[in-house]
């Protein structure tokens, strides 16, 4: 099930550490590349559990996309209690010129890139407990060339997996205000003869109230799960003098995005009226 929110205006606990590895699932992960065997890649893993949210980075010493086990170079749990999962990468396969890789041709010098995918098998070395949990992955690719110029970086879409029951998204919404649901936002800025900047935030709501992913309780856990599965798209503004740069927050924050609004008033025009559009899709796994 998917629910789309339009903006106008501006336990299976994954316990990772001395038994034989347990297979958790596959992550069908898309990425962009010109030639996959020559492209530098970095894989990012995110794990949401009732006991914490963990982040990992995986990359081979050669930085190339190789099949087999991938080297873990960073894991956010520094206590040694929760171990980094073992990831095994399958061969890359083509998924078309663009396919499910939004913006793959928008990164620097990537007009000739295509969309690819790989299956990443996830293994843990500690018992798997109870629900809810969610594992996610995404890949950033980059190609360095002194002849054609650097290509990328491009960050592909996230892949998700969980064997837990889906979280119903019907009670959830997205708002410009943390106190009530507001899908539209009108901003009035004073002219200054230069670039005027203002930052606005968006929030996840549940049943009309703030859904705060920074809270350590059960409600906060489900807020993090819903935020992790969310898809966001910025469609831009209908006046070239107005721009908005979305900056995502970690799912462990209260905010979803900071929207940095910039208006160029250098020509001393009496007024600028513009509409900027954003889309949030609330996905069920």
Foldseek 3Di string as FASTA:
>chain_A
DKDKAKFKAQQQAQFFDAAPKDWFDKWWEKDKDLDQQQKQKKKKKWKFHLVDIKIWIWADPVSGDDFFWTHTPDIDDPPNRGDDWIKGKDDKDFQFACHQFPCQCVFPPRVNMGMIIIMIITIGNDHGHIDDMKMKMKMWIKHDDPPSHITDGGIGDMTMDTPDAWDDCVQKDKDQDQQFRHRYDHDDDDADLFKDKDKTFMAMAGNGHGQFLQDSDPSNSVQLVQLVQKDKDWPFKPDPQKTWDWDADHSNGGTGTIIMIMGGCNVVDVDDDMMTMMMMMGDID
